[in-house]
Structures are given as structure tokens and as C-alpha cells.
Amino acid sequence: MGDAVEARAIVQQYAPNIMCMIDQNQQTYQQFGVGRAGLGAFFAPQVAIDAVKITREGFSAGATIGGDVMQMPATFVVDRTGQFRLAYYSRSIADHPSDDVVQAALRG
């Protein structure tokens, strides 16, 4: 949801050995069939459950600095040969693959 400078800082802090690609004009989203959210993606029960959970853990959503708040999330893991190891299309704005699923994809 931010710009390239913000993304670079986050990747450096949390995953310095991972390549993170930024697509500010959303061409890649379109090519990979990652759609935009409808109201159902914002008001899905899991969104409310996750919001309560993270609030109880002391986290809160930050201000949206840029980007398309209606863009659905997706997670892809591509190996060095260009083969997709994971293609996860989120069902709501709160839906993300579990750490175990991503770790398994990274191990190949």
C-alpha cells in the first residue's frame, strides 16, 4: 500500500534476502488475474475476526499512504528457474497464506 521507498525499507528490515517486486501501476495484478475487492471482501466475517485479534495483540492498521485500497492481495513464490511454487489468491482483504504454506513453498 505504499511506494517503492517504503517497500524497500520493510523488505530490508524483515526479509533482506527476499526479492520484492513493486507494481505501482498494477499491470502484474491484471496479468495474474488478481482482482479488486468488492464490498464482500471488506465485510467478510474473517476480516472482523482478524481485526479484533490484532487489536487485542496491540496492533492497529496504519494510515494508507498510497496504493489502491480496493486491490485484493495475492501471494506468489517463484523459484530461481521461474517456476511458481505458490500462487495464493486471497478470498478477502484479511486472507493470507499461513507461514507454514509460504515456508513450504520457499523450501521447494
N, C-alpha and C. Protein backbone atom coordinates (compact mmCIF):
# COMPACT_ATOMS: atom_id res chain seq x y z
N MET A 1 0.81 -1.20 0.00
CA MET A 1 0.00 0.00 0.00
C MET A 1 0.85 1.26 0.00
N GLY A 2 2.14 1.10 -0.05
CA GLY A 2 2.99 2.27 -0.06
C GLY A 2 3.76 2.37 -1.37
N ASP A 3 4.77 3.20 -1.36
CA ASP A 3 5.58 3.37 -2.55
C ASP A 3 6.83 2.49 -2.47
N ALA A 4 7.67 2.58 -3.49
CA ALA A 4 8.86 1.73 -3.58
C ALA A 4 9.83 1.97 -2.43
N VAL A 5 9.96 3.20 -1.97
CA VAL A 5 10.88 3.50 -0.87
C VAL A 5 10.40 2.82 0.42
N GLU A 6 9.10 2.90 0.69
CA GLU A 6 8.54 2.25 1.88
C GLU A 6 8.68 0.73 1.79
N ALA A 7 8.39 0.17 0.63
CA ALA A 7 8.50 -1.27 0.46
C ALA A 7 9.94 -1.73 0.65
N ARG A 8 10.89 -1.00 0.10
CA ARG A 8 12.30 -1.35 0.24
C ARG A 8 12.71 -1.36 1.71
N ALA A 9 12.25 -0.39 2.49
CA ALA A 9 12.59 -0.32 3.91
C ALA A 9 12.01 -1.51 4.67
N ILE A 10 10.79 -1.89 4.35
CA ILE A 10 10.16 -3.03 5.03
C ILE A 10 10.87 -4.33 4.67
N VAL A 11 11.18 -4.51 3.39
CA VAL A 11 11.88 -5.73 2.96
C VAL A 11 13.26 -5.79 3.61
N GLN A 12 13.98 -4.69 3.66
CA GLN A 12 15.30 -4.67 4.30
C GLN A 12 15.21 -5.05 5.77
N GLN A 13 14.17 -4.59 6.42
CA GLN A 13 14.01 -4.86 7.86
C GLN A 13 13.60 -6.30 8.14
N TYR A 14 12.64 -6.82 7.38
CA TYR A 14 12.05 -8.11 7.71
C TYR A 14 12.50 -9.27 6.84
N ALA A 15 12.93 -9.03 5.63
CA ALA A 15 13.28 -10.12 4.71
C ALA A 15 14.37 -9.68 3.75
N PRO A 16 15.56 -9.38 4.25
CA PRO A 16 16.60 -8.81 3.38
C PRO A 16 17.07 -9.74 2.27
N ASN A 17 16.82 -11.04 2.37
CA ASN A 17 17.28 -11.98 1.34
C ASN A 17 16.19 -12.33 0.34
N ILE A 18 15.07 -11.65 0.39
CA ILE A 18 13.95 -11.92 -0.49
C ILE A 18 13.80 -10.78 -1.48
N MET A 19 13.59 -11.11 -2.75
CA MET A 19 13.34 -10.09 -3.75
C MET A 19 11.86 -9.73 -3.71
N CYS A 20 11.57 -8.47 -3.57
CA CYS A 20 10.20 -7.98 -3.55
C CYS A 20 10.03 -7.04 -4.74
N MET A 21 9.05 -7.34 -5.57
CA MET A 21 8.84 -6.52 -6.76
C MET A 21 7.63 -5.61 -6.53
N ILE A 22 7.73 -4.39 -6.97
CA ILE A 22 6.68 -3.39 -6.80
C ILE A 22 6.01 -3.17 -8.15
N ASP A 23 4.70 -3.11 -8.14
CA ASP A 23 3.93 -2.90 -9.37
C ASP A 23 2.94 -1.77 -9.13
N GLN A 24 3.44 -0.55 -9.13
CA GLN A 24 2.60 0.59 -8.77
C GLN A 24 1.49 0.88 -9.78
N ASN A 25 1.64 0.46 -11.02
CA ASN A 25 0.56 0.71 -11.99
C ASN A 25 -0.32 -0.52 -12.18
N GLN A 26 -0.12 -1.55 -11.39
CA GLN A 26 -0.98 -2.74 -11.27
C GLN A 26 -1.08 -3.59 -12.52
N GLN A 27 -0.11 -3.50 -13.42
CA GLN A 27 -0.14 -4.34 -14.62
C GLN A 27 0.01 -5.81 -14.27
N THR A 28 0.88 -6.11 -13.31
CA THR A 28 1.09 -7.50 -12.93
C THR A 28 -0.15 -8.08 -12.27
N TYR A 29 -0.82 -7.30 -11.44
CA TYR A 29 -2.07 -7.76 -10.83
C TYR A 29 -3.04 -8.20 -11.92
N GLN A 30 -3.17 -7.38 -12.94
CA GLN A 30 -4.09 -7.68 -14.03
C GLN A 30 -3.65 -8.93 -14.79
N GLN A 31 -2.36 -9.06 -15.09
CA GLN A 31 -1.86 -10.21 -15.83
C GLN A 31 -2.02 -11.51 -15.06
N PHE A 32 -1.94 -11.45 -13.73
CA PHE A 32 -2.06 -12.65 -12.91
C PHE A 32 -3.49 -12.88 -12.43
N GLY A 33 -4.41 -12.05 -12.87
CA GLY A 33 -5.81 -12.24 -12.53
C GLY A 33 -6.17 -11.92 -11.09
N VAL A 34 -5.42 -11.02 -10.48
CA VAL A 34 -5.72 -10.61 -9.11
C VAL A 34 -6.68 -9.44 -9.20
N GLY A 35 -7.90 -9.67 -8.76
CA GLY A 35 -8.94 -8.67 -8.92
C GLY A 35 -8.96 -7.61 -7.84
N ARG A 36 -9.94 -6.75 -7.99
CA ARG A 36 -10.17 -5.70 -7.00
C ARG A 36 -11.29 -6.17 -6.08
N ALA A 37 -11.30 -5.67 -4.88
CA ALA A 37 -12.25 -6.10 -3.87
C ALA A 37 -13.62 -5.47 -4.10
N GLY A 38 -14.63 -6.25 -3.83
CA GLY A 38 -15.98 -5.73 -3.72
C GLY A 38 -16.27 -5.52 -2.24
N LEU A 39 -17.44 -5.07 -1.92
CA LEU A 39 -17.78 -4.83 -0.51
C LEU A 39 -17.69 -6.11 0.32
N GLY A 40 -17.99 -7.25 -0.29
CA GLY A 40 -17.93 -8.52 0.44
C GLY A 40 -16.54 -8.84 0.95
N ALA A 41 -15.51 -8.40 0.24
CA ALA A 41 -14.13 -8.65 0.67
C ALA A 41 -13.77 -7.83 1.91
N PHE A 42 -14.42 -6.70 2.08
CA PHE A 42 -14.17 -5.87 3.25
C PHE A 42 -15.01 -6.30 4.45
N PHE A 43 -16.19 -6.83 4.17
CA PHE A 43 -17.12 -7.16 5.25
C PHE A 43 -17.25 -8.66 5.49
N ALA A 44 -16.29 -9.43 4.99
CA ALA A 44 -16.28 -10.86 5.24
C ALA A 44 -16.08 -11.10 6.74
N PRO A 45 -16.71 -12.11 7.30
CA PRO A 45 -16.56 -12.37 8.75
C PRO A 45 -15.11 -12.48 9.20
N GLN A 46 -14.25 -13.07 8.38
CA GLN A 46 -12.86 -13.24 8.78
C GLN A 46 -12.14 -11.90 8.94
N VAL A 47 -12.56 -10.90 8.20
CA VAL A 47 -11.96 -9.57 8.33
C VAL A 47 -12.23 -9.01 9.73
N ALA A 48 -13.47 -9.12 10.19
CA ALA A 48 -13.81 -8.63 11.53
C ALA A 48 -13.10 -9.44 12.61
N ILE A 49 -13.04 -10.75 12.43
CA ILE A 49 -12.35 -11.61 13.41
C ILE A 49 -10.88 -11.24 13.50
N ASP A 50 -10.24 -11.07 12.35
CA ASP A 50 -8.82 -10.70 12.34
C ASP A 50 -8.58 -9.32 12.93
N ALA A 51 -9.50 -8.38 12.67
CA ALA A 51 -9.36 -7.02 13.22
C ALA A 51 -9.40 -7.05 14.74
N VAL A 52 -10.31 -7.83 15.30
CA VAL A 52 -10.39 -7.96 16.76
C VAL A 52 -9.13 -8.62 17.30
N LYS A 53 -8.67 -9.66 16.63
CA LYS A 53 -7.48 -10.39 17.07
C LYS A 53 -6.25 -9.48 17.10
N ILE A 54 -6.00 -8.74 16.03
CA ILE A 54 -4.79 -7.92 16.02
C ILE A 54 -4.90 -6.75 16.99
N THR A 55 -6.11 -6.25 17.19
CA THR A 55 -6.30 -5.18 18.17
C THR A 55 -5.98 -5.67 19.57
N ARG A 56 -6.43 -6.87 19.90
CA ARG A 56 -6.13 -7.47 21.21
C ARG A 56 -4.64 -7.70 21.39
N GLU A 57 -3.93 -7.96 20.30
CA GLU A 57 -2.48 -8.18 20.36
C GLU A 57 -1.70 -6.87 20.37
N GLY A 58 -2.41 -5.73 20.34
CA GLY A 58 -1.76 -4.44 20.43
C GLY A 58 -1.39 -3.80 19.11
N PHE A 59 -1.88 -4.37 18.01
CA PHE A 59 -1.59 -3.81 16.69
C PHE A 59 -2.79 -3.02 16.20
N SER A 60 -2.53 -2.15 15.26
CA SER A 60 -3.63 -1.43 14.61
C SER A 60 -3.24 -1.16 13.17
N ALA A 61 -4.24 -0.92 12.35
CA ALA A 61 -3.98 -0.61 10.95
C ALA A 61 -3.38 0.79 10.85
N GLY A 62 -2.37 0.92 10.03
CA GLY A 62 -1.76 2.23 9.82
C GLY A 62 -2.52 3.02 8.78
N ALA A 63 -2.12 4.22 8.62
CA ALA A 63 -2.73 5.07 7.60
C ALA A 63 -2.32 4.58 6.22
N THR A 64 -3.23 4.64 5.29
CA THR A 64 -2.93 4.27 3.92
C THR A 64 -2.28 5.47 3.24
N ILE A 65 -1.04 5.28 2.84
CA ILE A 65 -0.27 6.37 2.25
C ILE A 65 -0.51 6.44 0.75
N GLY A 66 -0.65 5.32 0.15
CA GLY A 66 -0.84 5.30 -1.30
C GLY A 66 -1.33 3.93 -1.71
N GLY A 67 -1.47 3.75 -2.98
CA GLY A 67 -1.92 2.46 -3.48
C GLY A 67 -3.44 2.41 -3.59
N ASP A 68 -3.92 1.28 -4.03
CA ASP A 68 -5.34 1.05 -4.27
C ASP A 68 -5.89 0.21 -3.13
N VAL A 69 -6.67 0.81 -2.25
CA VAL A 69 -7.20 0.08 -1.10
C VAL A 69 -8.18 -1.00 -1.52
N MET A 70 -8.64 -0.96 -2.76
CA MET A 70 -9.57 -1.97 -3.26
C MET A 70 -8.85 -3.15 -3.93
N GLN A 71 -7.53 -3.08 -4.05
CA GLN A 71 -6.79 -4.17 -4.68
C GLN A 71 -6.73 -5.36 -3.75
N MET A 72 -7.19 -6.50 -4.22
CA MET A 72 -7.12 -7.73 -3.42
C MET A 72 -5.66 -8.17 -3.29
N PRO A 73 -5.31 -8.78 -2.16
CA PRO A 73 -3.96 -9.30 -2.01
C PRO A 73 -3.81 -10.68 -2.67
N ALA A 74 -2.60 -11.00 -3.01
CA ALA A 74 -2.23 -12.32 -3.51
C ALA A 74 -0.76 -12.52 -3.15
N THR A 75 -0.38 -13.78 -3.03
CA THR A 75 1.00 -14.11 -2.68
C THR A 75 1.54 -15.12 -3.67
N PHE A 76 2.70 -14.82 -4.23
CA PHE A 76 3.34 -15.73 -5.19
C PHE A 76 4.76 -16.00 -4.75
N VAL A 77 5.18 -17.24 -4.86
CA VAL A 77 6.57 -17.61 -4.64
C VAL A 77 7.06 -18.21 -5.95
N VAL A 78 8.12 -17.60 -6.50
CA VAL A 78 8.69 -18.04 -7.77
C VAL A 78 10.14 -18.43 -7.51
N ASP A 79 10.53 -19.63 -7.96
CA ASP A 79 11.90 -20.05 -7.70
C ASP A 79 12.87 -19.44 -8.71
N ARG A 80 14.14 -19.76 -8.57
CA ARG A 80 15.18 -19.16 -9.42
C ARG A 80 15.04 -19.53 -10.89
N THR A 81 14.34 -20.62 -11.17
CA THR A 81 14.16 -21.03 -12.57
C THR A 81 12.90 -20.42 -13.19
N GLY A 82 12.15 -19.65 -12.39
CA GLY A 82 10.94 -19.04 -12.89
C GLY A 82 9.70 -19.87 -12.67
N GLN A 83 9.84 -21.01 -11.99
CA GLN A 83 8.69 -21.87 -11.73
C GLN A 83 7.94 -21.38 -10.49
N PHE A 84 6.61 -21.31 -10.61
CA PHE A 84 5.79 -20.89 -9.48
C PHE A 84 5.69 -22.02 -8.47
N ARG A 85 6.05 -21.73 -7.24
CA ARG A 85 5.94 -22.69 -6.14
C ARG A 85 4.69 -22.44 -5.31
N LEU A 86 4.16 -21.22 -5.41
CA LEU A 86 2.93 -20.88 -4.70
C LEU A 86 2.22 -19.78 -5.46
N ALA A 87 0.94 -19.95 -5.66
CA ALA A 87 0.08 -18.90 -6.20
C ALA A 87 -1.16 -18.89 -5.31
N TYR A 88 -1.22 -17.92 -4.40
CA TYR A 88 -2.30 -17.86 -3.42
C TYR A 88 -3.11 -16.60 -3.67
N TYR A 89 -4.36 -16.78 -4.07
CA TYR A 89 -5.27 -15.68 -4.33
C TYR A 89 -6.17 -15.51 -3.10
N SER A 90 -6.05 -14.39 -2.43
CA SER A 90 -6.80 -14.16 -1.19
C SER A 90 -8.29 -14.05 -1.47
N ARG A 91 -9.08 -14.56 -0.52
CA ARG A 91 -10.54 -14.54 -0.65
C ARG A 91 -11.16 -13.29 -0.03
N SER A 92 -10.40 -12.61 0.83
CA SER A 92 -10.84 -11.35 1.43
C SER A 92 -9.60 -10.51 1.69
N ILE A 93 -9.78 -9.28 2.14
CA ILE A 93 -8.63 -8.43 2.40
C ILE A 93 -7.81 -8.91 3.59
N ALA A 94 -8.39 -9.80 4.41
CA ALA A 94 -7.68 -10.31 5.58
C ALA A 94 -7.09 -11.70 5.34
N ASP A 95 -7.30 -12.25 4.16
CA ASP A 95 -6.87 -13.61 3.86
C ASP A 95 -5.45 -13.62 3.30
N HIS A 96 -4.59 -14.36 3.95
CA HIS A 96 -3.21 -14.52 3.52
C HIS A 96 -2.80 -15.97 3.77
N PRO A 97 -1.85 -16.49 3.02
CA PRO A 97 -1.41 -17.86 3.28
C PRO A 97 -0.71 -17.93 4.65
N SER A 98 -0.82 -19.08 5.28
CA SER A 98 -0.15 -19.26 6.57
C SER A 98 1.37 -19.27 6.37
N ASP A 99 2.08 -18.98 7.43
CA ASP A 99 3.54 -19.02 7.36
C ASP A 99 4.03 -20.39 6.93
N ASP A 100 3.36 -21.45 7.39
CA ASP A 100 3.76 -22.81 7.02
C ASP A 100 3.65 -23.04 5.50
N VAL A 101 2.61 -22.53 4.90
CA VAL A 101 2.41 -22.69 3.46
C VAL A 101 3.51 -21.95 2.69
N VAL A 102 3.81 -20.74 3.11
CA VAL A 102 4.85 -19.95 2.44
C VAL A 102 6.21 -20.60 2.64
N GLN A 103 6.51 -21.04 3.87
CA GLN A 103 7.80 -21.68 4.14
C GLN A 103 7.96 -22.95 3.30
N ALA A 104 6.90 -23.74 3.16
CA ALA A 104 6.98 -24.94 2.34
C ALA A 104 7.27 -24.59 0.88
N ALA A 105 6.65 -23.54 0.38
CA ALA A 105 6.88 -23.10 -1.00
C ALA A 105 8.32 -22.61 -1.17
N LEU A 106 8.83 -21.93 -0.16
CA LEU A 106 10.22 -21.43 -0.24
C LEU A 106 11.23 -22.57 -0.23
N ARG A 107 10.91 -23.65 0.48
CA ARG A 107 11.80 -24.81 0.52
C ARG A 107 11.76 -25.58 -0.80
N GLY A 108 10.66 -25.41 -1.53
CA GLY A 108 10.54 -26.02 -2.85
C GLY A 108 10.22 -27.46 -2.78
